[in-house]
C-alpha atoms as a PDB file:
ATOM      1  CA  UNK A   1     143.584 115.198  62.588  1.00  0.00           C
ATOM      2  CA  UNK A   2     139.835 114.775  62.525  1.00  0.00           C
ATOM      3  CA  UNK A   3     137.525 111.844  61.936  1.00  0.00           C
ATOM      4  CA  UNK A   4     133.808 111.257  61.740  1.00  0.00           C
ATOM      5  CA  UNK A   5     132.018 109.460  64.554  1.00  0.00           C
ATOM      6  CA  UNK A   6     128.539 108.133  63.824  1.00  0.00           C
ATOM      7  CA  UNK A   7     126.160 107.977  66.791  1.00  0.00           C
ATOM      8  CA  UNK A   8     122.638 106.533  66.790  1.00  0.00           C
ATOM      9  CA  UNK A   9     119.913 106.463  69.406  1.00  0.00           C
ATOM     10  CA  UNK A  10     116.889 104.168  69.325  1.00  0.00           C
ATOM     11  CA  UNK A  11     114.078 103.388  71.761  1.00  0.00           C
ATOM     12  CA  UNK A  12     113.336  99.747  70.855  1.00  0.00           C
ATOM     13  CA  UNK A  13     110.127  99.403  72.952  1.00  0.00           C
ATOM     14  CA  UNK A  14     111.436  96.218  74.606  1.00  0.00           C
ATOM     15  CA  UNK A  15     111.529  94.393  71.268  1.00  0.00           C
ATOM     16  CA  UNK A  16     107.742  93.951  71.135  1.00  0.00           C
ATOM     17  CA  UNK A  17     105.051  95.887  69.258  1.00  0.00           C
ATOM     18  CA  UNK A  18     101.263  95.806  69.180  1.00  0.00           C
ATOM     19  CA  UNK A  19      98.557  95.478  71.811  1.00  0.00           C
ATOM     20  CA  UNK A  20      96.833  92.417  73.282  1.00  0.00           C
ATOM     21  CA  UNK A  21      96.520  89.389  70.985  1.00  0.00           C
ATOM     22  CA  UNK A  22      98.094  91.408  68.147  1.00  0.00           C
ATOM     23  CA  UNK A  23     101.390  91.783  70.003  1.00  0.00           C
ATOM     24  CA  UNK A  24     104.313  90.627  67.909  1.00  0.00           C
ATOM     25  CA  UNK A  25     107.991  90.032  68.491  1.00  0.00           C
ATOM     26  CA  UNK A  26     110.233  92.488  66.630  1.00  0.00           C
ATOM     27  CA  UNK A  27     113.594  91.857  68.292  1.00  0.00           C
ATOM     28  CA  UNK A  28     114.917  89.797  65.356  1.00  0.00           C
ATOM     29  CA  UNK A  29     114.033  92.548  62.870  1.00  0.00           C
ATOM     30  CA  UNK A  30     115.603  95.080  65.224  1.00  0.00           C
ATOM     31  CA  UNK A  31     118.842  93.111  65.111  1.00  0.00           C
ATOM     32  CA  UNK A  32     119.040  93.615  61.343  1.00  0.00           C
ATOM     33  CA  UNK A  33     118.004  97.259  61.712  1.00  0.00           C
ATOM     34  CA  UNK A  34     120.688  98.059  64.269  1.00  0.00           C
ATOM     35  CA  UNK A  35     123.318  96.600  61.967  1.00  0.00           C
ATOM     36  CA  UNK A  36     122.026  98.720  59.068  1.00  0.00           C
ATOM     37  CA  UNK A  37     122.563 101.902  61.092  1.00  0.00           C
ATOM     38  CA  UNK A  38     126.321 101.317  60.699  1.00  0.00           C
ATOM     39  CA  UNK A  39     127.018 103.517  63.731  1.00  0.00           C
ATOM     40  CA  UNK A  40     130.155 103.570  65.860  1.00  0.00           C
ATOM     41  CA  UNK A  41     128.039 104.080  68.989  1.00  0.00           C
ATOM     42  CA  UNK A  42     124.423 102.927  69.291  1.00  0.00           C
ATOM     43  CA  UNK A  43     122.450 104.116  72.323  1.00  0.00           C
ATOM     44  CA  UNK A  44     119.370 102.021  73.125  1.00  0.00           C
ATOM     45  CA  UNK A  45     116.478 102.554  75.518  1.00  0.00           C
ATOM     46  CA  UNK A  46     113.769 100.181  76.810  1.00  0.00           C
ATOM     47  CA  UNK A  47     116.096  97.202  76.487  1.00  0.00           C
ATOM     48  CA  UNK A  48     115.120  94.034  78.327  1.00  0.00           C
ATOM     49  CA  UNK A  49     117.690  92.042  80.234  1.00  0.00           C
ATOM     50  CA  UNK A  50     115.074  89.363  80.840  1.00  0.00           C
ATOM     51  CA  UNK A  51     111.309  88.969  81.018  1.00  0.00           C
ATOM     52  CA  UNK A  52     109.698  85.704  82.046  1.00  0.00           C
ATOM     53  CA  UNK A  53     106.237  86.583  80.704  1.00  0.00           C
ATOM     54  CA  UNK A  54     107.501  87.516  77.223  1.00  0.00           C
ATOM     55  CA  UNK A  55     109.793  84.480  77.120  1.00  0.00           C
ATOM     56  CA  UNK A  56     106.794  82.235  77.824  1.00  0.00           C
ATOM     57  CA  UNK A  57     104.603  83.950  75.220  1.00  0.00           C
ATOM     58  CA  UNK A  58     106.986  84.139  72.248  1.00  0.00           C
ATOM     59  CA  UNK A  59     108.572  80.902  71.066  1.00  0.00           C
ATOM     60  CA  UNK A  60     111.458  82.778  69.383  1.00  0.00           C
ATOM     61  CA  UNK A  61     112.292  84.930  72.402  1.00  0.00           C
ATOM     62  CA  UNK A  62     116.129  85.171  72.532  1.00  0.00           C
ATOM     63  CA  UNK A  63     117.859  83.200  75.250  1.00  0.00           C
ATOM     64  CA  UNK A  64     120.382  86.009  75.824  1.00  0.00           C
ATOM     65  CA  UNK A  65     119.749  89.582  77.050  1.00  0.00           C
ATOM     66  CA  UNK A  66     118.537  91.919  74.315  1.00  0.00           C
ATOM     67  CA  UNK A  67     121.651  94.120  74.354  1.00  0.00           C
ATOM     68  CA  UNK A  68     123.892  91.142  73.616  1.00  0.00           C
ATOM     69  CA  UNK A  69     121.442  89.792  71.047  1.00  0.00           C
ATOM     70  CA  UNK A  70     121.328  93.107  69.150  1.00  0.00           C
ATOM     71  CA  UNK A  71     125.084  93.745  69.107  1.00  0.00           C
ATOM     72  CA  UNK A  72     126.495  93.251  65.585  1.00  0.00           C
ATOM     73  CA  UNK A  73     129.568  91.107  65.205  1.00  0.00           C
ATOM     74  CA  UNK A  74     132.624  92.921  66.522  1.00  0.00           C
ATOM     75  CA  UNK A  75     130.643  95.263  68.791  1.00  0.00           C
ATOM     76  CA  UNK A  76     130.760  95.399  72.590  1.00  0.00           C
ATOM     77  CA  UNK A  77     127.419  95.559  74.422  1.00  0.00           C
ATOM     78  CA  UNK A  78     127.081  97.457  77.706  1.00  0.00           C
ATOM     79  CA  UNK A  79     123.836  97.359  79.702  1.00  0.00           C
ATOM     80  CA  UNK A  80     122.523  98.731  83.000  1.00  0.00           C
ATOM     81  CA  UNK A  81     119.105  98.110  84.551  1.00  0.00           C
ATOM     82  CA  UNK A  82     116.802 101.046  85.235  1.00  0.00           C
ATOM     83  CA  UNK A  83     113.595  99.264  86.224  1.00  0.00           C
ATOM     84  CA  UNK A  84     112.846  95.974  87.958  1.00  0.00           C
ATOM     85  CA  UNK A  85     109.316  94.725  87.295  1.00  0.00           C
ATOM     86  CA  UNK A  86     107.210  91.745  88.294  1.00  0.00           C
ATOM     87  CA  UNK A  87     108.382  89.653  85.344  1.00  0.00           C
ATOM     88  CA  UNK A  88     111.908  90.940  84.725  1.00  0.00           C
ATOM     89  CA  UNK A  89     114.004  94.048  84.262  1.00  0.00           C
ATOM     90  CA  UNK A  90     114.878  96.598  81.571  1.00  0.00           C
ATOM     91  CA  UNK A  91     117.109  99.614  81.093  1.00  0.00           C
ATOM     92  CA  UNK A  92     119.561 101.393  78.805  1.00  0.00           C
ATOM     93  CA  UNK A  93     122.250  99.830  76.622  1.00  0.00           C
ATOM     94  CA  UNK A  94     125.137 100.946  74.473  1.00  0.00           C
ATOM     95  CA  UNK A  95     126.713  99.063  71.566  1.00  0.00           C
ATOM     96  CA  UNK A  96     130.070 100.169  70.192  1.00  0.00           C
ATOM     97  CA  UNK A  97     132.672  99.027  67.710  1.00  0.00           C
ATOM     98  CA  UNK A  98     135.374 100.888  69.697  1.00  0.00           C
ATOM     99  CA  UNK A  99     136.996  99.497  72.879  1.00  0.00           C
ATOM    100  CA  UNK A 100     135.231 100.176  76.173  1.00  0.00           C
ATOM    101  CA  UNK A 101     137.443 101.633  78.905  1.00  0.00           C
ATOM    102  CA  UNK A 102     134.904 101.693  81.736  1.00  0.00           C
ATOM    103  CA  UNK A 103     131.211 102.033  82.528  1.00  0.00           C
ATOM    104  CA  UNK A 104     129.013 103.494  85.239  1.00  0.00           C
ATOM    105  CA  UNK A 105     125.377 104.091  86.132  1.00  0.00           C
ATOM    106  CA  UNK A 106     123.356 106.575  88.151  1.00  0.00           C
ATOM    107  CA  UNK A 107     119.742 106.361  89.239  1.00  0.00           C
ATOM    108  CA  UNK A 108     117.944 109.567  88.252  1.00  0.00           C
ATOM    109  CA  UNK A 109     114.402 108.472  89.171  1.00  0.00           C
ATOM    110  CA  UNK A 110     112.298 111.474  90.109  1.00  0.00           C
ATOM    111  CA  UNK A 111     109.422 109.589  91.745  1.00  0.00           C
ATOM    112  CA  UNK A 112     108.493 105.991  92.514  1.00  0.00           C
ATOM    113  CA  UNK A 113     106.229 105.518  89.480  1.00  0.00           C
ATOM    114  CA  UNK A 114     109.045 105.958  86.911  1.00  0.00           C
ATOM    115  CA  UNK A 115     112.385 104.210  87.362  1.00  0.00           C
ATOM    116  CA  UNK A 116     115.000 106.053  85.321  1.00  0.00           C
ATOM    117  CA  UNK A 117     118.786 105.960  85.073  1.00  0.00           C
ATOM    118  CA  UNK A 118     121.720 107.133  82.998  1.00  0.00           C
ATOM    119  CA  UNK A 119     124.343 104.806  81.562  1.00  0.00           C
ATOM    120  CA  UNK A 120     127.873 106.218  81.287  1.00  0.00           C
ATOM    121  CA  UNK A 121     130.392 104.474  79.044  1.00  0.00           C
ATOM    122  CA  UNK A 122     133.922 105.703  78.299  1.00  0.00           C
ATOM    123  CA  UNK A 123     135.081 104.578  74.847  1.00  0.00           C
ATOM    124  CA  UNK A 124     138.594 104.623  73.372  1.00  0.00           C
ATOM    125  CA  UNK A 125     138.316 106.230  69.922  1.00  0.00           C
ATOM    126  CA  UNK A 126     141.776 106.356  68.312  1.00  0.00           C
ATOM    127  CA  UNK A 127     143.374 106.915  71.742  1.00  0.00           C
ATOM    128  CA  UNK A 128     140.844 109.650  72.585  1.00  0.00           C
ATOM    129  CA  UNK A 129     138.487 108.917  75.511  1.00  0.00           C
ATOM    130  CA  UNK A 130     134.915 109.678  74.436  1.00  0.00           C
ATOM    131  CA  UNK A 131     132.218 109.719  77.121  1.00  0.00           C
ATOM    132  CA  UNK A 132     128.821 108.425  75.963  1.00  0.00           C
ATOM    133  CA  UNK A 133     125.808 108.853  78.250  1.00  0.00           C
ATOM    134  CA  UNK A 134     122.524 107.096  77.451  1.00  0.00           C
ATOM    135  CA  UNK A 135     119.381 108.589  78.992  1.00  0.00           C
ATOM    136  CA  UNK A 136     115.642 107.974  79.047  1.00  0.00           C
ATOM    137  CA  UNK A 137     113.998 110.914  80.758  1.00  0.00           C
ATOM    138  CA  UNK A 138     110.651 111.049  82.523  1.00  0.00           C
ATOM    139  CA  UNK A 139     107.179 111.665  81.151  1.00  0.00           C
ATOM    140  CA  UNK A 140     106.533 114.719  83.352  1.00  0.00           C
ATOM    141  CA  UNK A 141     108.130 118.041  82.410  1.00  0.00           C
ATOM    142  CA  UNK A 142     109.202 118.816  85.980  1.00  0.00           C
ATOM    143  CA  UNK A 143     110.915 115.432  86.176  1.00  0.00           C
ATOM    144  CA  UNK A 144     112.826 116.125  82.963  1.00  0.00           C
ATOM    145  CA  UNK A 145     114.001 119.500  84.262  1.00  0.00           C
ATOM    146  CA  UNK A 146     115.320 117.917  87.451  1.00  0.00           C
ATOM    147  CA  UNK A 147     116.861 114.984  85.578  1.00  0.00           C
ATOM    148  CA  UNK A 148     118.749 117.287  83.202  1.00  0.00           C
ATOM    149  CA  UNK A 149     120.043 119.120  86.286  1.00  0.00           C
ATOM    150  CA  UNK A 150     121.245 115.768  87.671  1.00  0.00           C
ATOM    151  CA  UNK A 151     122.849 115.028  84.299  1.00  0.00           C
ATOM    152  CA  UNK A 152     124.681 118.351  84.446  1.00  0.00           C
ATOM    153  CA  UNK A 153     126.014 117.542  87.908  1.00  0.00           C
ATOM    154  CA  UNK A 154     127.056 114.063  86.780  1.00  0.00           C
ATOM    155  CA  UNK A 155     129.002 115.393  83.782  1.00  0.00           C
ATOM    156  CA  UNK A 156     130.714 118.045  85.908  1.00  0.00           C
ATOM    157  CA  UNK A 157     131.776 115.343  88.363  1.00  0.00           C
ATOM    158  CA  UNK A 158     132.621 112.440  86.052  1.00  0.00           C
ATOM    159  CA  UNK A 159     133.797 113.954  82.744  1.00  0.00           C
ATOM    160  CA  UNK A 160     137.073 115.887  82.530  1.00  0.00           C
ATOM    161  CA  UNK A 161     136.399 119.330  81.091  1.00  0.00           C
ATOM    162  CA  UNK A 162     138.360 118.880  77.861  1.00  0.00           C
ATOM    163  CA  UNK A 163     137.177 115.381  76.918  1.00  0.00           C
ATOM    164  CA  UNK A 164     134.434 114.787  74.311  1.00  0.00           C
ATOM    165  CA  UNK A 165     131.025 113.763  75.646  1.00  0.00           C
ATOM    166  CA  UNK A 166     127.871 112.546  73.918  1.00  0.00           C
ATOM    167  CA  UNK A 167     124.433 112.466  75.528  1.00  0.00           C
ATOM    168  CA  UNK A 168     121.817 110.517  73.587  1.00  0.00           C
ATOM    169  CA  UNK A 169     118.471 108.918  74.175  1.00  0.00           C
ATOM    170  CA  UNK A 170     114.735 109.336  74.527  1.00  0.00           C
ATOM    171  CA  UNK A 171     114.317 112.732  76.181  1.00  0.00           C
ATOM    172  CA  UNK A 172     110.490 112.624  76.029  1.00  0.00           C
ATOM    173  CA  UNK A 173     111.051 116.277  75.209  1.00  0.00           C
ATOM    174  CA  UNK A 174     107.979 117.601  73.403  1.00  0.00           C
ATOM    175  CA  UNK A 175     108.901 120.914  71.780  1.00  0.00           C
ATOM    176  CA  UNK A 176     112.644 120.486  72.495  1.00  0.00           C
ATOM    177  CA  UNK A 177     112.267 122.463  75.720  1.00  0.00           C
ATOM    178  CA  UNK A 178     115.361 120.853  77.251  1.00  0.00           C
ATOM    179  CA  UNK A 179     117.581 122.063  74.395  1.00  0.00           C
ATOM    180  CA  UNK A 180     118.362 125.405  76.057  1.00  0.00           C
ATOM    181  CA  UNK A 181     119.459 123.651  79.266  1.00  0.00           C
ATOM    182  CA  UNK A 182     121.631 121.253  77.260  1.00  0.00           C
ATOM    183  CA  UNK A 183     123.113 124.162  75.284  1.00  0.00           C
ATOM    184  CA  UNK A 184     123.954 125.896  78.572  1.00  0.00           C
ATOM    185  CA  UNK A 185     126.044 122.818  79.421  1.00  0.00           C
ATOM    186  CA  UNK A 186     128.001 123.257  76.182  1.00  0.00           C
ATOM    187  CA  UNK A 187     126.072 120.449  74.481  1.00  0.00           C
ATOM    188  CA  UNK A 188     125.024 120.922  70.842  1.00  0.00           C
ATOM    189  CA  UNK A 189     122.848 118.813  68.561  1.00  0.00           C
ATOM    190  CA  UNK A 190     122.038 119.007  64.851  1.00  0.00           C
ATOM    191  CA  UNK A 191     119.434 121.748  65.325  1.00  0.00           C
ATOM    192  CA  UNK A 192     121.390 124.311  63.280  1.00  0.00           C
ATOM    193  CA  UNK A 193     122.250 121.989  60.377  1.00  0.00           C
ATOM    194  CA  UNK A 194     120.416 122.552  57.086  1.00  0.00           C
ATOM    195  CA  UNK A 195     117.855 119.973  56.087  1.00  0.00           C
ATOM    196  CA  UNK A 196     114.318 118.825  56.860  1.00  0.00           C
ATOM    197  CA  UNK A 197     112.871 118.982  60.342  1.00  0.00           C
ATOM    198  CA  UNK A 198     113.820 115.998  62.499  1.00  0.00           C
ATOM    199  CA  UNK A 199     110.799 113.884  63.510  1.00  0.00           C
ATOM    200  CA  UNK A 200     111.109 110.584  65.408  1.00  0.00           C
ATOM    201  CA  UNK A 201     107.743 109.957  67.076  1.00  0.00           C
ATOM    202  CA  UNK A 202     105.384 108.211  66.576  1.00  0.00           C
ATOM    203  CA  UNK A 203     107.108 105.998  64.035  1.00  0.00           C
ATOM    204  CA  UNK A 204     104.109 105.427  61.746  1.00  0.00           C
ATOM    205  CA  UNK A 205     103.335 109.120  61.337  1.00  0.00           C
ATOM    206  CA  UNK A 206     106.004 111.166  63.108  1.00  0.00           C
ATOM    207  CA  UNK A 207     104.955 114.626  64.247  1.00  0.00           C
ATOM    208  CA  UNK A 208     107.654 115.511  66.801  1.00  0.00           C
ATOM    209  CA  UNK A 209     111.187 114.813  67.963  1.00  0.00           C
ATOM    210  CA  UNK A 210     111.515 112.991  71.284  1.00  0.00           C
ATOM    211  CA  UNK A 211     114.945 111.501  70.609  1.00  0.00           C
ATOM    212  CA  UNK A 212     118.093 113.642  70.726  1.00  0.00           C
ATOM    213  CA  UNK A 213     121.858 113.321  70.355  1.00  0.00           C
ATOM    214  CA  UNK A 214     123.960 116.076  71.928  1.00  0.00           C
ATOM    215  CA  UNK A 215     127.732 116.457  71.831  1.00  0.00           C
ATOM    216  CA  UNK A 216     130.392 118.581  73.528  1.00  0.00           C
ATOM    217  CA  UNK A 217     133.846 118.967  71.963  1.00  0.00           C
ATOM    218  CA  UNK A 218     132.342 117.341  68.855  1.00  0.00           C
ATOM    219  CA  UNK A 219     130.770 119.090  65.874  1.00  0.00           C
ATOM    220  CA  UNK A 220     127.588 117.673  64.263  1.00  0.00           C
ATOM    221  CA  UNK A 221     128.063 117.500  60.487  1.00  0.00           C
ATOM    222  CA  UNK A 222     125.063 115.435  59.326  1.00  0.00           C
ATOM    223  CA  UNK A 223     121.872 113.960  60.712  1.00  0.00           C
ATOM    224  CA  UNK A 224     119.137 111.667  59.422  1.00  0.00           C
ATOM    225  CA  UNK A 225     116.161 109.594  60.513  1.00  0.00           C
ATOM    226  CA  UNK A 226     115.578 106.280  58.686  1.00  0.00           C
ATOM    227  CA  UNK A 227     112.042 106.158  57.332  1.00  0.00           C
ATOM    228  CA  UNK A 228     109.782 103.627  55.641  1.00  0.00           C
ATOM    229  CA  UNK A 229     107.244 100.905  56.466  1.00  0.00           C
ATOM    230  CA  UNK A 230     109.825  98.502  57.910  1.00  0.00           C
ATOM    231  CA  UNK A 231     111.170 101.092  60.344  1.00  0.00           C
ATOM    232  CA  UNK A 232     107.618 102.147  61.209  1.00  0.00           C
ATOM    233  CA  UNK A 233     106.605  98.677  62.414  1.00  0.00           C
ATOM    234  CA  UNK A 234     109.591  97.767  64.621  1.00  0.00           C
ATOM    235  CA  UNK A 235     109.112 100.324  67.427  1.00  0.00           C
ATOM    236  CA  UNK A 236     106.963 103.316  68.316  1.00  0.00           C
ATOM    237  CA  UNK A 237     110.080 105.489  67.832  1.00  0.00           C
ATOM    238  CA  UNK A 238     112.283 105.947  64.785  1.00  0.00           C
ATOM    239  CA  UNK A 239     116.050 105.896  65.259  1.00  0.00           C
ATOM    240  CA  UNK A 240     118.067 109.101  65.046  1.00  0.00           C
ATOM    241  CA  UNK A 241     121.561 109.082  63.520  1.00  0.00           C
ATOM    242  CA  UNK A 242     124.085 111.926  63.804  1.00  0.00           C
ATOM    243  CA  UNK A 243     127.588 112.152  62.348  1.00  0.00           C
ATOM    244  CA  UNK A 244     130.053 114.147  64.433  1.00  0.00           C
ATOM    245  CA  UNK A 245     133.496 115.454  63.583  1.00  0.00           C
ATOM    246  CA  UNK A 246     136.019 114.502  66.268  1.00  0.00           C
ATOM    247  CA  UNK A 247     139.388 116.259  66.328  1.00  0.00           C
ATOM    248  CA  UNK A 248     142.351 114.643  68.063  1.00  0.00           C
END
């Protein structure tokens, strides 16, 4: 038997957009947007657990962590901190409508100026364990190369060879230069599917793809990027959505 599994990735820019006095709170709009994605697994980056400065500035700042606030009804939210700052902390999150079996986290920071981590969540999809890994890679190419190597080692250690695995997130990968390394790990994305070029950044006038969804032991069957003025204002990234075929 086979079934489709919809996976989305979205860098939500901590739920705030704009600069200086023009900064505005978008987390409530993002809640509606996440629900509209209608994905089985939603991988989020730049998610705030808490931030005292933002909570003091915005009167409608949610009382709960952003991952829990964004989770649609019936979804489980999983969060791990990557960075601790002066006013709070933020990291990666995963929302899923399927049961969560377990979760883990690994620090993959390459230097002290960028705190990065990967979130590993094992999900029970119709009695099949599916491993979902959320990443937000570094801004420097050398860092990304080393972080993908760490990801490879993590998968080899933590994911049984025959079990499906998804890696999704903000790769900061200008020119898709990490694709060959991911392909060497047996990971495939929607690159070979017919259709328009995938562009996710910047959201107002996208010119490149920084956000990727790779799968192993899953076959990508469709991919799209929601577009329009509403999506353009909520974050500096657009979400990426990929449908996979999962055989069990």
